[in-house]
Amino acid sequence: MNWAQKKTDKPVQIGGATGLKTCLGSYNALMTELAFIKMHGLGNDFVILDRRDGGDTPPPAARRAIADRRGGIGCDQLIVMEPAKADVADVFMRIYNPDGLEAGACGNATRCVASILMDENATDHAVVETISGLLDSEKGEGGLYTVDMGPARLDWRDIPVAEACDTLHLPLSVDGLSDPVGVNVGNPHAVFFVDDVAAIDLAAIGPKIENHKFFPERTNVEVIEILSPDRIRMRVWERAAGITQACGSGACAALVAAVRRGLSERSADVVLDGGVLRIEWLADNNILMTGPVSRSFTGELDPLLLAGTIR
């Protein structure tokens, strides 16, 4: 189903036991409740809005309010489904980080949106369009979905980084972490190899690397531990979101980095805090990501939240 906008004149709790009033007059322009669905992929969670039937995307203040885990719904990313721009696509997916800014890729969200489309159309295939390109998705057995995340981009200008260098060995060292591999999977990643991912204080070091001047567009940060040639342990600090339970594009970057260093096969399980993704780096340079999706609940956004006034 498409989640439609609804008009309402029912009372809205403004605050306090006696703070009920009907939102009329100057508030009429905000009298829209927008349906949402809360989903996650291995704990990487999303608020998904369906704008395929029209309507404006919530402005940055509203995006931040929706993503807030105390005053809003709470999510790692806000996802907006829009009409497809390409003839071959089923939907255009916009991705917004909790800071309200747009992101280029999110593998776990792509699986979630693809699953919605497949349920609607009673099919096992969907094409999700993003600002980073078209992502083919397939439904497999056991509730798993596979997304072709597109090519791994490895040139220093593609990451991007601030100076010409070999992205197999980025010249960067921060608080004991050094020598990362740079990979772009629709967004930038710096992948660090460590002996024990649990020993890394990612909450302290993640923001330092994310905002380092070496990364002009900031970066996602992965620390990975090679368990075997077909199994990699990974923790992630996501750009603008912080530590998350899983990151699909980060898992793709981790495998590419490990293969480039000769430490992994081209297909491997990436073990995240929230579960396991199967990643395969194909000979044509595209990356396949396979994992589950989960639906948590549905609801409607309060007009004040859409206006960005609820904190």
Protein backbone atom coordinates (compact mmCIF):
# COMPACT_ATOMS: atom_id res chain seq x y z
CA MET A 1 0.00 0.00 0.00
CA ASN A 2 0.94 3.62 -0.41
CA TRP A 3 0.79 5.60 2.80
CA ALA A 4 -1.33 8.63 2.00
CA GLN A 5 -1.38 12.06 3.56
CA LYS A 6 -4.30 12.62 5.85
CA LYS A 7 -6.13 15.79 6.83
CA THR A 8 -7.17 16.01 10.44
CA ASP A 9 -8.96 18.43 12.72
CA LYS A 10 -8.70 16.32 15.82
CA PRO A 11 -7.17 17.86 18.96
CA VAL A 12 -3.42 17.63 19.37
CA GLN A 13 -1.72 17.53 22.77
CA ILE A 14 0.29 20.75 23.00
CA GLY A 15 1.53 20.30 26.56
CA GLY A 16 0.26 19.78 30.09
CA ALA A 17 -2.96 18.20 31.25
CA THR A 18 -5.06 21.13 30.01
CA GLY A 19 -3.06 21.84 26.89
CA LEU A 20 -5.55 20.48 24.36
CA LYS A 21 -6.70 22.65 21.52
CA THR A 22 -7.98 22.19 18.00
CA CYS A 23 -5.38 23.20 15.43
CA LEU A 24 -7.26 25.69 13.26
CA GLY A 25 -6.63 29.16 11.81
CA SER A 26 -2.97 29.92 11.12
CA TYR A 27 -2.11 26.30 11.93
CA ASN A 28 -4.27 25.05 9.07
CA ALA A 29 -1.29 24.83 6.70
CA LEU A 30 0.32 22.27 9.02
CA MET A 31 -2.79 20.12 9.42
CA THR A 32 -1.24 17.13 7.71
CA GLU A 33 -0.39 13.88 9.39
CA LEU A 34 2.04 11.82 7.37
CA ALA A 35 2.11 8.05 7.70
CA PHE A 36 5.47 6.35 8.26
CA ILE A 37 6.85 2.88 8.68
CA LYS A 38 9.71 2.02 11.01
CA MET A 39 12.03 -0.68 9.66
CA HIS A 40 15.55 -1.91 10.27
CA GLY A 41 18.21 -4.10 8.76
CA LEU A 42 20.18 -5.85 11.53
CA GLY A 43 19.41 -2.98 13.91
CA ASN A 44 20.34 -0.21 11.44
CA ASP A 45 16.96 1.54 11.73
CA PHE A 46 14.95 3.84 9.50
CA VAL A 47 11.84 5.98 9.43
CA ILE A 48 10.43 5.58 5.91
CA LEU A 49 8.06 8.15 4.39
CA ASP A 50 6.12 7.48 1.20
CA ARG A 51 6.00 10.58 -1.02
CA ARG A 52 5.30 8.79 -4.30
CA ASP A 53 1.88 10.42 -4.52
CA GLY A 54 3.34 13.90 -4.16
CA GLY A 55 4.01 16.28 -1.31
CA ASP A 56 7.11 18.03 -0.09
CA THR A 57 10.00 16.32 1.64
CA PRO A 58 10.26 17.43 5.28
CA PRO A 59 12.76 20.30 5.65
CA PRO A 60 16.05 19.82 7.53
CA ALA A 61 14.65 20.88 10.92
CA ALA A 62 11.86 18.31 10.61
CA ARG A 63 14.31 15.61 9.51
CA ARG A 64 16.40 16.23 12.60
CA ALA A 65 13.31 16.20 14.83
CA ILE A 66 12.04 12.92 13.36
CA ALA A 67 15.45 11.26 13.78
CA ASP A 68 15.81 12.40 17.39
CA ARG A 69 15.50 9.39 19.70
CA ARG A 70 14.02 11.39 22.59
CA GLY A 71 11.73 13.99 21.05
CA GLY A 72 10.99 12.24 17.76
CA ILE A 73 10.69 8.68 16.50
CA GLY A 74 14.41 7.99 16.34
CA CYS A 75 16.41 6.47 13.50
CA ASP A 76 19.85 6.16 11.98
CA GLN A 77 18.48 7.55 8.70
CA LEU A 78 15.26 9.09 7.44
CA ILE A 79 14.21 7.56 4.11
CA VAL A 80 11.85 9.27 1.65
CA MET A 81 10.30 7.30 -1.21
CA GLU A 82 9.67 9.53 -4.24
CA PRO A 83 8.47 8.88 -7.81
CA ALA A 84 11.19 7.23 -9.90
CA LYS A 85 13.07 9.46 -12.29
CA ALA A 86 14.49 6.67 -14.47
CA ASP A 87 12.06 4.60 -16.56
CA VAL A 88 13.55 1.33 -15.32
CA ALA A 89 13.29 2.21 -11.62
CA ASP A 90 10.40 1.46 -9.28
CA VAL A 91 11.10 4.27 -6.83
CA PHE A 92 13.55 7.07 -6.07
CA MET A 93 14.93 6.75 -2.54
CA ARG A 94 16.34 9.75 -0.69
CA ILE A 95 18.47 9.18 2.38
CA TYR A 96 18.88 11.74 5.15
CA ASN A 97 21.27 11.45 8.07
CA PRO A 98 20.19 12.52 11.58
CA ASP A 99 21.79 15.94 10.98
CA GLY A 100 19.22 16.52 8.23
CA LEU A 101 21.75 16.36 5.38
CA GLU A 102 21.37 14.05 2.40
CA ALA A 103 23.48 10.90 2.09
CA GLY A 104 24.42 9.01 -1.06
CA ALA A 105 23.97 5.36 -0.12
CA CYS A 106 22.50 3.05 2.49
CA GLY A 107 22.48 -0.66 1.78
CA ASN A 108 20.28 -1.72 4.69
CA ALA A 109 17.67 0.92 3.80
CA THR A 110 17.76 -0.20 0.17
CA ARG A 111 16.81 -3.72 1.24
CA CYS A 112 13.98 -2.35 3.37
CA VAL A 113 12.55 -0.18 0.59
CA ALA A 114 12.97 -2.98 -1.95
CA SER A 115 11.01 -5.32 0.31
CA ILE A 116 8.14 -2.80 0.45
CA LEU A 117 8.05 -2.59 -3.34
CA MET A 118 8.17 -6.36 -3.77
CA ASP A 119 5.30 -6.83 -1.32
CA GLU A 120 3.24 -4.19 -3.14
CA ASN A 121 3.87 -5.62 -6.58
CA ALA A 122 3.93 -9.33 -5.63
CA THR A 123 7.31 -9.75 -7.28
CA ASP A 124 10.81 -10.88 -6.32
CA HIS A 125 12.61 -8.00 -8.04
CA ALA A 126 12.78 -4.22 -7.64
CA VAL A 127 15.00 -1.38 -8.84
CA VAL A 128 15.70 1.38 -6.33
CA GLU A 129 17.04 4.65 -7.71
CA THR A 130 19.30 6.85 -5.57
CA ILE A 131 21.52 9.87 -6.16
CA SER A 132 24.37 7.36 -6.45
CA GLY A 133 22.71 5.24 -9.15
CA LEU A 134 20.30 2.38 -9.77
CA LEU A 135 20.31 -0.53 -7.32
CA ASP A 136 18.86 -3.88 -8.45
CA SER A 137 17.33 -5.91 -5.66
CA GLU A 138 16.19 -9.54 -5.47
CA LYS A 139 14.21 -11.46 -2.87
CA GLY A 140 15.77 -14.77 -1.91
CA GLU A 141 14.90 -17.59 0.45
CA GLY A 142 14.59 -17.33 4.20
CA GLY A 143 13.55 -13.68 4.25
CA LEU A 144 16.83 -12.50 2.75
CA TYR A 145 17.20 -9.76 0.15
CA THR A 146 20.15 -9.12 -2.16
CA VAL A 147 21.08 -5.68 -3.45
CA ASP A 148 23.61 -4.91 -6.17
CA MET A 149 25.30 -1.92 -4.57
CA GLY A 150 27.12 -0.93 -7.75
CA PRO A 151 30.86 -0.58 -8.25
CA ALA A 152 33.58 -0.04 -5.71
CA ARG A 153 35.24 3.30 -6.47
CA LEU A 154 38.87 3.35 -5.46
CA ASP A 155 40.52 6.46 -6.89
CA TRP A 156 41.53 9.08 -4.32
CA ARG A 157 39.26 11.62 -6.03
CA ASP A 158 36.30 9.26 -5.68
CA ILE A 159 36.57 8.73 -1.92
CA PRO A 160 37.31 11.72 -1.79
CA VAL A 161 40.48 12.59 0.14
CA ALA A 162 42.38 15.84 0.29
CA GLU A 163 45.48 14.79 -1.65
CA ALA A 164 46.60 12.38 -4.34
CA CYS A 165 47.54 9.04 -2.78
CA ASP A 166 47.25 5.28 -3.03
CA THR A 167 43.87 4.45 -1.47
CA LEU A 168 45.15 0.98 -0.52
CA HIS A 169 47.28 2.75 2.10
CA LEU A 170 45.83 6.13 3.06
CA PRO A 171 48.47 8.29 4.78
CA LEU A 172 46.44 8.79 7.96
CA SER A 173 47.04 8.05 11.63
CA VAL A 174 44.67 9.03 14.45
CA ASP A 175 45.04 7.93 18.07
CA GLY A 176 46.79 4.68 17.20
CA LEU A 177 44.65 3.77 14.20
CA SER A 178 46.58 4.08 10.96
CA ASP A 179 47.01 2.90 7.38
CA PRO A 180 43.33 2.59 6.38
CA VAL A 181 41.99 1.57 2.99
CA GLY A 182 39.80 4.11 1.22
CA VAL A 183 36.67 2.89 -0.58
CA ASN A 184 33.62 4.66 -1.97
CA VAL A 185 30.40 2.63 -2.16
CA GLY A 186 28.11 5.55 -2.96
CA ASN A 187 29.60 7.23 0.12
CA PRO A 188 33.12 7.47 1.58
CA HIS A 189 34.67 4.86 3.87
CA ALA A 190 37.95 4.56 5.74
CA VAL A 191 38.57 0.92 6.69
CA PHE A 192 41.09 0.18 9.47
CA PHE A 193 42.50 -3.29 10.18
CA VAL A 194 42.84 -4.13 13.88
CA ASP A 195 43.56 -7.20 15.99
CA ASP A 196 40.47 -6.82 18.19
CA VAL A 197 37.53 -4.61 17.19
CA ALA A 198 36.14 -4.76 20.75
CA ALA A 199 39.26 -3.06 22.08
CA ILE A 200 38.76 0.07 19.94
CA ASP A 201 37.10 3.05 21.61
CA LEU A 202 35.07 3.83 18.52
CA ALA A 203 32.89 6.40 20.28
CA ALA A 204 35.98 8.51 20.98
CA ILE A 205 37.98 7.98 17.81
CA GLY A 206 35.14 7.76 15.28
CA PRO A 207 34.23 11.45 15.23
CA LYS A 208 37.88 12.47 15.01
CA ILE A 209 38.36 10.44 11.85
CA GLU A 210 34.95 11.31 10.39
CA ASN A 211 35.71 15.03 10.63
CA HIS A 212 39.43 14.88 9.82
CA LYS A 213 40.57 17.45 7.29
CA PHE A 214 41.88 14.60 5.13
CA PHE A 215 38.24 13.83 4.23
CA PRO A 216 36.67 16.95 2.69
CA GLU A 217 33.20 15.34 2.67
CA ARG A 218 33.78 13.55 5.99
CA THR A 219 33.82 9.76 6.07
CA ASN A 220 32.34 6.60 7.52
CA VAL A 221 34.78 4.72 9.73
CA GLU A 222 35.08 0.93 9.90
CA VAL A 223 37.35 -1.12 12.13
CA ILE A 224 37.63 -4.71 10.98
CA GLU A 225 39.15 -7.93 12.28
CA ILE A 226 39.87 -10.79 9.89
CA LEU A 227 38.48 -13.96 11.50
CA SER A 228 39.10 -16.17 8.45
CA PRO A 229 39.32 -15.69 4.67
CA ASP A 230 35.51 -15.83 4.46
CA ARG A 231 34.53 -14.15 7.75
CA ILE A 232 35.19 -10.57 8.86
CA ARG A 233 34.22 -8.88 12.13
CA MET A 234 33.33 -5.20 11.75
CA ARG A 235 32.26 -2.25 13.87
CA VAL A 236 31.24 1.03 12.33
CA TRP A 237 31.03 4.74 13.05
CA GLU A 238 28.63 6.16 10.46
CA ARG A 239 29.05 9.66 9.13
CA ALA A 240 26.59 11.96 10.99
CA ALA A 241 24.92 9.00 12.75
CA GLY A 242 27.65 7.69 15.07
CA ILE A 243 27.95 4.06 16.12
CA THR A 244 25.27 1.92 14.49
CA GLN A 245 24.40 -1.75 14.76
CA ALA A 246 25.02 -2.34 11.06
CA CYS A 247 26.04 -0.51 7.90
CA GLY A 248 25.49 -2.16 4.52
CA SER A 249 27.77 0.08 2.49
CA GLY A 250 30.36 -0.20 5.29
CA ALA A 251 30.25 -4.00 5.10
CA CYS A 252 30.80 -3.74 1.34
CA ALA A 253 33.75 -1.42 1.89
CA ALA A 254 35.17 -3.78 4.51
CA LEU A 255 35.19 -6.73 2.13
CA VAL A 256 36.70 -4.70 -0.72
CA ALA A 257 39.43 -3.45 1.61
CA ALA A 258 40.20 -6.95 2.85
CA VAL A 259 40.35 -8.38 -0.67
CA ARG A 260 42.63 -5.57 -1.80
CA ARG A 261 44.98 -6.37 1.07
CA GLY A 262 44.94 -10.08 0.18
CA LEU A 263 43.26 -11.04 3.45
CA SER A 264 39.86 -12.24 2.27
CA GLU A 265 38.10 -14.16 -0.42
CA ARG A 266 35.83 -12.16 -2.74
CA SER A 267 32.77 -13.51 -0.93
CA ALA A 268 32.56 -13.44 2.85
CA ASP A 269 30.30 -13.01 5.86
CA VAL A 270 30.69 -9.64 7.56
CA VAL A 271 29.76 -9.93 11.23
CA LEU A 272 28.29 -6.68 12.56
CA ASP A 273 27.00 -5.77 16.02
CA GLY A 274 23.45 -6.41 14.77
CA GLY A 275 24.03 -9.58 12.77
CA VAL A 276 25.62 -10.92 9.59
CA LEU A 277 25.62 -9.65 6.01
CA ARG A 278 26.89 -11.74 3.10
CA ILE A 279 29.03 -9.61 0.78
CA GLU A 280 30.40 -10.57 -2.62
CA TRP A 281 32.70 -8.43 -4.78
CA LEU A 282 32.06 -9.52 -8.34
CA ALA A 283 34.62 -9.68 -11.13
CA ASP A 284 32.85 -6.77 -12.87
CA ASN A 285 33.60 -4.60 -9.76
CA ASN A 286 29.99 -4.50 -8.53
CA ILE A 287 29.23 -5.53 -4.94
CA LEU A 288 26.35 -7.76 -3.85
CA MET A 289 24.98 -7.44 -0.32
CA THR A 290 22.57 -10.01 1.16
CA GLY A 291 20.73 -9.73 4.45
CA PRO A 292 17.35 -9.62 6.23
CA VAL A 293 14.87 -6.82 6.80
CA SER A 294 12.45 -6.26 9.68
CA ARG A 295 9.34 -4.14 10.12
CA SER A 296 8.95 -2.64 13.58
CA PHE A 297 5.77 -0.55 13.52
CA THR A 298 3.77 2.04 11.59
CA GLY A 299 2.31 5.37 12.67
CA GLU A 300 1.65 8.97 11.76
CA LEU A 301 3.89 11.97 12.25
CA ASP A 302 2.42 14.79 14.29
CA PRO A 303 2.15 18.06 12.30
CA LEU A 304 4.28 19.84 14.90
CA LEU A 305 7.01 17.26 14.42
CA LEU A 306 6.83 17.81 10.65
CA ALA A 307 7.22 21.53 11.30
CA GLY A 308 10.41 20.79 13.24
CA THR A 309 9.04 22.43 16.37
CA ILE A 310 9.03 19.38 18.67
CA ARG A 311 12.40 18.82 20.32
